[in-house]
Amino acid sequence: MEKFNSQSVEVLGLLKTTMVAAGYSRQSITSYMREIRYICAYYPDLSPGQWTDRHIIQYMDYLRTVHHASYSKCKMAAQSVAFFFRHVLKRPYDVPSKLYPRREHKLPHYLTKEEVLKLIENCRSAKQRAIVETFYGSGIRLEELRMLKLTDIESKNNRIFVHCGKGRKDRYTLLPKRLVETLRNYYRAQAQKPKSYLFEGQKPGEPLHSRSIQHSVVNGIPKCRFICKRA
């Protein structure tokens, strides 16, 4: 169990309230809260108001030398700290760029067209198949797929309406004809029809959890027995 200074719980609550009021996404709030909570646990005998540049530098060094944190992890921690100092502690703070490790330039992993088809064919249920096909057929992001509603599927126009996607912007993405039929089969196969969201969890009217969506894709990979290649 994490040990916090008595004032840490109060300022963490203020951080959440500030981000909600500012219109930040649920994912951003969760990420920022997590990073600041880790620092609170790292300095259990200090209140956040007592943190100085030296404390932050020591913590960033700890992330890099002990946990071998990636560039993305260090950047997220730094951004969270900067926001926390400016908007919660009301103190200006800029994390020096030298505290970030050098960005690694690695080519992304990808699946070939044949491997994607094999992944789809190995789906165990109509719901799993619909999720996998929606990802690869439309190019939609995880959180965007999670928040898709039944009314966002425009089969007549062969497009999907994405509400508040990346950058909190609305947009349309492609809806292949093959995916239309897959989604129809999925809907027909559900004993309990979705009420609002395209993919709902155990609680009617609530979107499926992001981890459940990830598992729908990842669980099919071992059966396919292929190795992701680099672009």
C-alpha atoms as a PDB file:
ATOM      1  CA  MET A   1       0.000   0.000   0.000  1.00  0.00           C
ATOM      2  CA  GLU A   2       1.336   3.436  -0.983  1.00  0.00           C
ATOM      3  CA  LYS A   3       2.341   5.771   1.847  1.00  0.00           C
ATOM      4  CA  PHE A   4       1.483   9.439   1.310  1.00  0.00           C
ATOM      5  CA  ASN A   5       2.022  12.674   3.140  1.00  0.00           C
ATOM      6  CA  SER A   6      -1.291  13.821   4.648  1.00  0.00           C
ATOM      7  CA  GLN A   7      -1.515  16.739   2.206  1.00  0.00           C
ATOM      8  CA  SER A   8      -0.880  14.584  -0.857  1.00  0.00           C
ATOM      9  CA  VAL A   9      -4.400  13.140  -0.950  1.00  0.00           C
ATOM     10  CA  GLU A  10      -5.859  16.656  -0.878  1.00  0.00           C
ATOM     11  CA  VAL A  11      -3.743  17.986  -3.741  1.00  0.00           C
ATOM     12  CA  LEU A  12      -4.338  14.853  -5.831  1.00  0.00           C
ATOM     13  CA  GLY A  13      -8.035  15.520  -5.522  1.00  0.00           C
ATOM     14  CA  LEU A  14      -7.441  19.140  -6.540  1.00  0.00           C
ATOM     15  CA  LEU A  15      -5.432  17.968  -9.552  1.00  0.00           C
ATOM     16  CA  LYS A  16      -8.323  15.806 -10.717  1.00  0.00           C
ATOM     17  CA  THR A  17     -10.860  18.581 -10.176  1.00  0.00           C
ATOM     18  CA  THR A  18      -8.682  21.056 -12.095  1.00  0.00           C
ATOM     19  CA  MET A  19      -8.263  18.725 -15.078  1.00  0.00           C
ATOM     20  CA  VAL A  20     -11.955  17.842 -15.207  1.00  0.00           C
ATOM     21  CA  ALA A  21     -12.873  21.539 -15.127  1.00  0.00           C
ATOM     22  CA  ALA A  22     -10.360  22.231 -17.912  1.00  0.00           C
ATOM     23  CA  GLY A  23     -11.953  19.568 -20.125  1.00  0.00           C
ATOM     24  CA  TYR A  24      -9.084  17.087 -20.235  1.00  0.00           C
ATOM     25  CA  SER A  25      -9.877  13.565 -21.429  1.00  0.00           C
ATOM     26  CA  ARG A  26     -10.399  10.702 -19.010  1.00  0.00           C
ATOM     27  CA  GLN A  27      -7.200   9.066 -20.226  1.00  0.00           C
ATOM     28  CA  SER A  28      -5.119  12.222 -19.671  1.00  0.00           C
ATOM     29  CA  ILE A  29      -6.533  12.665 -16.174  1.00  0.00           C
ATOM     30  CA  THR A  30      -5.724   9.064 -15.312  1.00  0.00           C
ATOM     31  CA  SER A  31      -2.159   9.393 -16.659  1.00  0.00           C
ATOM     32  CA  TYR A  32      -1.385  12.672 -14.870  1.00  0.00           C
ATOM     33  CA  MET A  33      -2.905  11.444 -11.605  1.00  0.00           C
ATOM     34  CA  ARG A  34      -0.831   8.267 -11.783  1.00  0.00           C
ATOM     35  CA  GLU A  35       2.456  10.101 -12.360  1.00  0.00           C
ATOM     36  CA  ILE A  36       1.913  12.595  -9.536  1.00  0.00           C
ATOM     37  CA  ARG A  37       0.802   9.797  -7.203  1.00  0.00           C
ATOM     38  CA  TYR A  38       4.077   7.976  -7.885  1.00  0.00           C
ATOM     39  CA  ILE A  39       6.054  11.079  -6.894  1.00  0.00           C
ATOM     40  CA  CYS A  40       3.957  11.465  -3.736  1.00  0.00           C
ATOM     41  CA  ALA A  41       4.827   7.866  -2.839  1.00  0.00           C
ATOM     42  CA  TYR A  42       8.501   8.482  -3.628  1.00  0.00           C
ATOM     43  CA  TYR A  43       8.572  11.411  -1.163  1.00  0.00           C
ATOM     44  CA  PRO A  44       6.162  10.214   1.565  1.00  0.00           C
ATOM     45  CA  ASP A  45       7.620  12.557   4.187  1.00  0.00           C
ATOM     46  CA  LEU A  46       7.221  15.691   2.070  1.00  0.00           C
ATOM     47  CA  SER A  47       4.073  17.542   1.126  1.00  0.00           C
ATOM     48  CA  PRO A  48       3.873  18.404  -2.592  1.00  0.00           C
ATOM     49  CA  GLY A  49       4.220  22.060  -1.631  1.00  0.00           C
ATOM     50  CA  GLN A  50       7.721  21.287  -0.368  1.00  0.00           C
ATOM     51  CA  TRP A  51       8.936  19.799  -3.642  1.00  0.00           C
ATOM     52  CA  THR A  52      11.734  21.701  -5.326  1.00  0.00           C
ATOM     53  CA  ASP A  53      13.542  21.390  -8.648  1.00  0.00           C
ATOM     54  CA  ARG A  54      16.110  19.205  -6.895  1.00  0.00           C
ATOM     55  CA  HIS A  55      13.412  16.738  -5.807  1.00  0.00           C
ATOM     56  CA  ILE A  56      12.012  16.469  -9.322  1.00  0.00           C
ATOM     57  CA  ILE A  57      15.470  15.994 -10.845  1.00  0.00           C
ATOM     58  CA  GLN A  58      16.232  13.229  -8.329  1.00  0.00           C
ATOM     59  CA  TYR A  59      12.952  11.507  -9.146  1.00  0.00           C
ATOM     60  CA  MET A  60      13.563  11.707 -12.904  1.00  0.00           C
ATOM     61  CA  ASP A  61      17.045  10.283 -12.350  1.00  0.00           C
ATOM     62  CA  TYR A  62      15.443   7.463 -10.345  1.00  0.00           C
ATOM     63  CA  LEU A  63      13.095   6.665 -13.249  1.00  0.00           C
ATOM     64  CA  ARG A  64      15.980   6.482 -15.691  1.00  0.00           C
ATOM     65  CA  THR A  65      18.647   4.675 -13.650  1.00  0.00           C
ATOM     66  CA  VAL A  66      16.535   2.283 -11.583  1.00  0.00           C
ATOM     67  CA  HIS A  67      13.534   1.604 -13.805  1.00  0.00           C
ATOM     68  CA  HIS A  68      15.240   2.348 -17.142  1.00  0.00           C
ATOM     69  CA  ALA A  69      12.139   4.298 -18.114  1.00  0.00           C
ATOM     70  CA  SER A  70      11.521   5.002 -21.778  1.00  0.00           C
ATOM     71  CA  TYR A  71      11.449   8.426 -23.393  1.00  0.00           C
ATOM     72  CA  SER A  72       7.634   8.361 -23.418  1.00  0.00           C
ATOM     73  CA  LYS A  73       7.444   7.499 -19.711  1.00  0.00           C
ATOM     74  CA  CYS A  74       9.861  10.275 -18.733  1.00  0.00           C
ATOM     75  CA  LYS A  75       8.054  12.757 -20.948  1.00  0.00           C
ATOM     76  CA  MET A  76       4.695  11.881 -19.386  1.00  0.00           C
ATOM     77  CA  ALA A  77       6.158  12.305 -15.881  1.00  0.00           C
ATOM     78  CA  ALA A  78       7.673  15.659 -16.859  1.00  0.00           C
ATOM     79  CA  GLN A  79       4.453  16.948 -18.433  1.00  0.00           C
ATOM     80  CA  SER A  80       2.459  15.864 -15.388  1.00  0.00           C
ATOM     81  CA  VAL A  81       4.860  17.666 -13.055  1.00  0.00           C
ATOM     82  CA  ALA A  82       4.776  20.848 -15.147  1.00  0.00           C
ATOM     83  CA  PHE A  83       0.965  20.894 -15.150  1.00  0.00           C
ATOM     84  CA  PHE A  84       0.822  20.109 -11.433  1.00  0.00           C
ATOM     85  CA  PHE A  85       3.222  22.918 -10.522  1.00  0.00           C
ATOM     86  CA  ARG A  86       1.530  25.520 -12.701  1.00  0.00           C
ATOM     87  CA  HIS A  87      -2.138  24.788 -12.095  1.00  0.00           C
ATOM     88  CA  VAL A  88      -2.291  23.131  -8.668  1.00  0.00           C
ATOM     89  CA  LEU A  89       0.700  24.469  -6.728  1.00  0.00           C
ATOM     90  CA  LYS A  90       0.515  27.743  -8.689  1.00  0.00           C
ATOM     91  CA  ARG A  91       4.271  27.773  -9.227  1.00  0.00           C
ATOM     92  CA  PRO A  92       5.969  28.056 -12.643  1.00  0.00           C
ATOM     93  CA  TYR A  93       8.009  25.036 -13.581  1.00  0.00           C
ATOM     94  CA  ASP A  94       9.697  23.867 -16.770  1.00  0.00           C
ATOM     95  CA  VAL A  95      11.415  20.490 -16.831  1.00  0.00           C
ATOM     96  CA  PRO A  96      14.770  20.848 -18.642  1.00  0.00           C
ATOM     97  CA  SER A  97      14.851  18.884 -21.893  1.00  0.00           C
ATOM     98  CA  LYS A  98      18.132  17.313 -20.809  1.00  0.00           C
ATOM     99  CA  LEU A  99      16.181  15.274 -18.255  1.00  0.00           C
ATOM    100  CA  TYR A 100      14.562  13.321 -21.084  1.00  0.00           C
ATOM    101  CA  PRO A 101      16.500  10.334 -22.421  1.00  0.00           C
ATOM    102  CA  ARG A 102      17.216  10.496 -26.121  1.00  0.00           C
ATOM    103  CA  ARG A 103      14.284   9.386 -28.212  1.00  0.00           C
ATOM    104  CA  GLU A 104      14.755   5.952 -29.722  1.00  0.00           C
ATOM    105  CA  HIS A 105      14.023   5.784 -33.426  1.00  0.00           C
ATOM    106  CA  LYS A 106      12.643   2.299 -33.914  1.00  0.00           C
ATOM    107  CA  LEU A 107      10.631   1.144 -36.870  1.00  0.00           C
ATOM    108  CA  PRO A 108       7.082   0.114 -35.919  1.00  0.00           C
ATOM    109  CA  HIS A 109       5.857  -3.465 -35.910  1.00  0.00           C
ATOM    110  CA  TYR A 110       3.167  -4.344 -38.414  1.00  0.00           C
ATOM    111  CA  LEU A 111       1.166  -7.302 -39.710  1.00  0.00           C
ATOM    112  CA  THR A 112       0.922  -8.210 -43.369  1.00  0.00           C
ATOM    113  CA  LYS A 113      -2.477  -8.320 -45.074  1.00  0.00           C
ATOM    114  CA  GLU A 114      -2.405 -12.121 -44.949  1.00  0.00           C
ATOM    115  CA  GLU A 115      -1.615 -12.114 -41.223  1.00  0.00           C
ATOM    116  CA  VAL A 116      -4.445  -9.683 -40.482  1.00  0.00           C
ATOM    117  CA  LEU A 117      -6.862 -11.969 -42.331  1.00  0.00           C
ATOM    118  CA  LYS A 118      -5.537 -14.932 -40.368  1.00  0.00           C
ATOM    119  CA  LEU A 119      -6.020 -13.021 -37.108  1.00  0.00           C
ATOM    120  CA  ILE A 120      -9.615 -12.247 -38.063  1.00  0.00           C
ATOM    121  CA  GLU A 121     -10.351 -15.852 -39.028  1.00  0.00           C
ATOM    122  CA  ASN A 122      -9.070 -17.076 -35.645  1.00  0.00           C
ATOM    123  CA  CYS A 123     -11.483 -14.928 -33.643  1.00  0.00           C
ATOM    124  CA  ARG A 124     -13.580 -17.074 -31.322  1.00  0.00           C
ATOM    125  CA  SER A 125     -16.728 -14.984 -31.224  1.00  0.00           C
ATOM    126  CA  ALA A 126     -18.684 -12.585 -33.409  1.00  0.00           C
ATOM    127  CA  LYS A 127     -17.901  -9.789 -30.965  1.00  0.00           C
ATOM    128  CA  GLN A 128     -14.153 -10.427 -31.004  1.00  0.00           C
ATOM    129  CA  ARG A 129     -14.188 -10.560 -34.798  1.00  0.00           C
ATOM    130  CA  ALA A 130     -16.147  -7.319 -35.013  1.00  0.00           C
ATOM    131  CA  ILE A 131     -13.651  -5.562 -32.730  1.00  0.00           C
ATOM    132  CA  VAL A 132     -10.591  -6.785 -34.647  1.00  0.00           C
ATOM    133  CA  GLU A 133     -12.114  -5.972 -38.042  1.00  0.00           C
ATOM    134  CA  THR A 134     -13.162  -2.510 -36.899  1.00  0.00           C
ATOM    135  CA  PHE A 135      -9.585  -1.767 -35.839  1.00  0.00           C
ATOM    136  CA  TYR A 136      -7.962  -2.927 -39.055  1.00  0.00           C
ATOM    137  CA  GLY A 137     -10.787  -1.979 -41.394  1.00  0.00           C
ATOM    138  CA  SER A 138     -11.250   1.609 -40.257  1.00  0.00           C
ATOM    139  CA  GLY A 139      -7.873   2.516 -38.730  1.00  0.00           C
ATOM    140  CA  ILE A 140      -9.656   3.736 -35.608  1.00  0.00           C
ATOM    141  CA  ARG A 141      -7.839   4.246 -32.296  1.00  0.00           C
ATOM    142  CA  LEU A 142      -8.510   2.271 -29.114  1.00  0.00           C
ATOM    143  CA  GLU A 143     -10.374   4.952 -27.164  1.00  0.00           C
ATOM    144  CA  GLU A 144     -12.245   6.004 -30.305  1.00  0.00           C
ATOM    145  CA  LEU A 145     -13.445   2.451 -30.868  1.00  0.00           C
ATOM    146  CA  ARG A 146     -14.417   2.106 -27.224  1.00  0.00           C
ATOM    147  CA  MET A 147     -16.669   5.169 -27.378  1.00  0.00           C
ATOM    148  CA  LEU A 148     -18.338   4.333 -30.704  1.00  0.00           C
ATOM    149  CA  LYS A 149     -22.122   4.402 -30.543  1.00  0.00           C
ATOM    150  CA  LEU A 150     -24.576   2.506 -32.693  1.00  0.00           C
ATOM    151  CA  THR A 151     -25.654   5.766 -34.299  1.00  0.00           C
ATOM    152  CA  ASP A 152     -22.054   6.472 -35.383  1.00  0.00           C
ATOM    153  CA  ILE A 153     -22.158   3.641 -37.920  1.00  0.00           C
ATOM    154  CA  GLU A 154     -23.358   5.129 -41.222  1.00  0.00           C
ATOM    155  CA  SER A 155     -23.644   2.055 -43.427  1.00  0.00           C
ATOM    156  CA  LYS A 156     -25.431   3.891 -46.252  1.00  0.00           C
ATOM    157  CA  ASN A 157     -22.545   6.328 -46.582  1.00  0.00           C
ATOM    158  CA  ASN A 158     -19.845   3.743 -45.826  1.00  0.00           C
ATOM    159  CA  ARG A 159     -18.355   5.813 -43.049  1.00  0.00           C
ATOM    160  CA  ILE A 160     -17.984   5.922 -39.259  1.00  0.00           C
ATOM    161  CA  PHE A 161     -18.431   9.110 -37.270  1.00  0.00           C
ATOM    162  CA  VAL A 162     -15.691   9.512 -34.653  1.00  0.00           C
ATOM    163  CA  HIS A 163     -16.728  11.845 -31.850  1.00  0.00           C
ATOM    164  CA  CYS A 164     -13.982  13.736 -29.977  1.00  0.00           C
ATOM    165  CA  GLY A 165     -11.084  11.738 -31.390  1.00  0.00           C
ATOM    166  CA  LYS A 166      -7.424  12.666 -31.036  1.00  0.00           C
ATOM    167  CA  GLY A 167      -7.096  16.336 -30.220  1.00  0.00           C
ATOM    168  CA  ARG A 168     -10.790  16.320 -29.197  1.00  0.00           C
ATOM    169  CA  LYS A 169     -11.781  16.678 -32.847  1.00  0.00           C
ATOM    170  CA  ASP A 170     -14.718  15.051 -34.641  1.00  0.00           C
ATOM    171  CA  ARG A 171     -14.002  13.283 -37.906  1.00  0.00           C
ATOM    172  CA  TYR A 172     -15.183  10.554 -40.261  1.00  0.00           C
ATOM    173  CA  THR A 173     -13.299   7.372 -41.098  1.00  0.00           C
ATOM    174  CA  LEU A 174     -13.915   4.653 -43.674  1.00  0.00           C
ATOM    175  CA  LEU A 175     -16.428   1.845 -43.183  1.00  0.00           C
ATOM    176  CA  PRO A 176     -15.536  -0.994 -45.605  1.00  0.00           C
ATOM    177  CA  LYS A 177     -18.442  -3.040 -46.976  1.00  0.00           C
ATOM    178  CA  ARG A 178     -16.964  -6.205 -45.481  1.00  0.00           C
ATOM    179  CA  LEU A 179     -16.980  -4.579 -42.049  1.00  0.00           C
ATOM    180  CA  VAL A 180     -20.648  -3.602 -42.449  1.00  0.00           C
ATOM    181  CA  GLU A 181     -21.622  -7.254 -42.815  1.00  0.00           C
ATOM    182  CA  THR A 182     -19.379  -8.271 -39.904  1.00  0.00           C
ATOM    183  CA  LEU A 183     -21.014  -5.692 -37.633  1.00  0.00           C
ATOM    184  CA  ARG A 184     -24.480  -6.873 -38.677  1.00  0.00           C
ATOM    185  CA  ASN A 185     -23.583 -10.481 -37.889  1.00  0.00           C
ATOM    186  CA  TYR A 186     -22.187  -9.386 -34.528  1.00  0.00           C
ATOM    187  CA  TYR A 187     -25.374  -7.498 -33.664  1.00  0.00           C
ATOM    188  CA  ARG A 188     -27.601 -10.418 -34.641  1.00  0.00           C
ATOM    189  CA  ALA A 189     -25.515 -12.837 -32.547  1.00  0.00           C
ATOM    190  CA  GLN A 190     -25.908 -10.869 -29.321  1.00  0.00           C
ATOM    191  CA  ALA A 191     -28.532 -12.295 -26.969  1.00  0.00           C
ATOM    192  CA  GLN A 192     -28.493  -8.961 -25.158  1.00  0.00           C
ATOM    193  CA  LYS A 193     -28.390  -6.260 -27.821  1.00  0.00           C
ATOM    194  CA  PRO A 194     -26.195  -3.180 -27.278  1.00  0.00           C
ATOM    195  CA  LYS A 195     -28.325  -0.265 -26.100  1.00  0.00           C
ATOM    196  CA  SER A 196     -26.102   2.706 -26.803  1.00  0.00           C
ATOM    197  CA  TYR A 197     -22.461   1.846 -27.491  1.00  0.00           C
ATOM    198  CA  LEU A 198     -21.394  -0.426 -30.314  1.00  0.00           C
ATOM    199  CA  PHE A 199     -19.377  -2.590 -27.936  1.00  0.00           C
ATOM    200  CA  GLU A 200     -20.771  -2.744 -24.419  1.00  0.00           C
ATOM    201  CA  GLY A 201     -19.528  -4.513 -21.310  1.00  0.00           C
ATOM    202  CA  GLN A 202     -21.452  -6.516 -18.752  1.00  0.00           C
ATOM    203  CA  LYS A 203     -23.365  -3.427 -17.680  1.00  0.00           C
ATOM    204  CA  PRO A 204     -25.938  -2.474 -20.363  1.00  0.00           C
ATOM    205  CA  GLY A 205     -25.501   0.993 -21.768  1.00  0.00           C
ATOM    206  CA  GLU A 206     -21.840   1.249 -20.681  1.00  0.00           C
ATOM    207  CA  PRO A 207     -18.870   0.978 -23.092  1.00  0.00           C
ATOM    208  CA  LEU A 208     -16.574  -2.014 -22.999  1.00  0.00           C
ATOM    209  CA  HIS A 209     -13.424  -1.474 -20.917  1.00  0.00           C
ATOM    210  CA  SER A 210     -10.329  -0.632 -22.949  1.00  0.00           C
ATOM    211  CA  ARG A 211      -8.427  -3.637 -21.551  1.00  0.00           C
ATOM    212  CA  SER A 212     -11.176  -5.978 -22.695  1.00  0.00           C
ATOM    213  CA  ILE A 213     -10.858  -4.532 -26.180  1.00  0.00           C
ATOM    214  CA  GLN A 214      -7.083  -4.998 -26.123  1.00  0.00           C
ATOM    215  CA  HIS A 215      -7.491  -8.607 -24.987  1.00  0.00           C
ATOM    216  CA  SER A 216      -9.832  -9.255 -27.908  1.00  0.00           C
ATOM    217  CA  VAL A 217      -6.947  -8.498 -30.258  1.00  0.00           C
ATOM    218  CA  VAL A 218      -3.987  -9.843 -28.283  1.00  0.00           C
ATOM    219  CA  ASN A 219      -5.625 -13.166 -27.375  1.00  0.00           C
ATOM    220  CA  GLY A 220      -5.930 -14.105 -31.038  1.00  0.00           C
ATOM    221  CA  ILE A 221      -2.253 -13.578 -31.888  1.00  0.00           C
ATOM    222  CA  PRO A 222      -0.724 -16.725 -30.265  1.00  0.00           C
ATOM    223  CA  LYS A 223      -3.084 -18.975 -32.242  1.00  0.00           C
ATOM    224  CA  CYS A 224      -1.934 -17.423 -35.497  1.00  0.00           C
ATOM    225  CA  ARG A 225       1.720 -18.314 -34.846  1.00  0.00           C
ATOM    226  CA  PHE A 226       3.246 -15.391 -36.666  1.00  0.00           C
ATOM    227  CA  ILE A 227       5.850 -12.810 -35.703  1.00  0.00           C
ATOM    228  CA  CYS A 228       5.289  -9.101 -36.229  1.00  0.00           C
ATOM    229  CA  LYS A 229       7.720  -7.607 -38.727  1.00  0.00           C
ATOM    230  CA  ARG A 230       9.255  -4.169 -38.873  1.00  0.00           C
ATOM    231  CA  ALA A 231       8.247  -1.589 -41.441  1.00  0.00           C
END
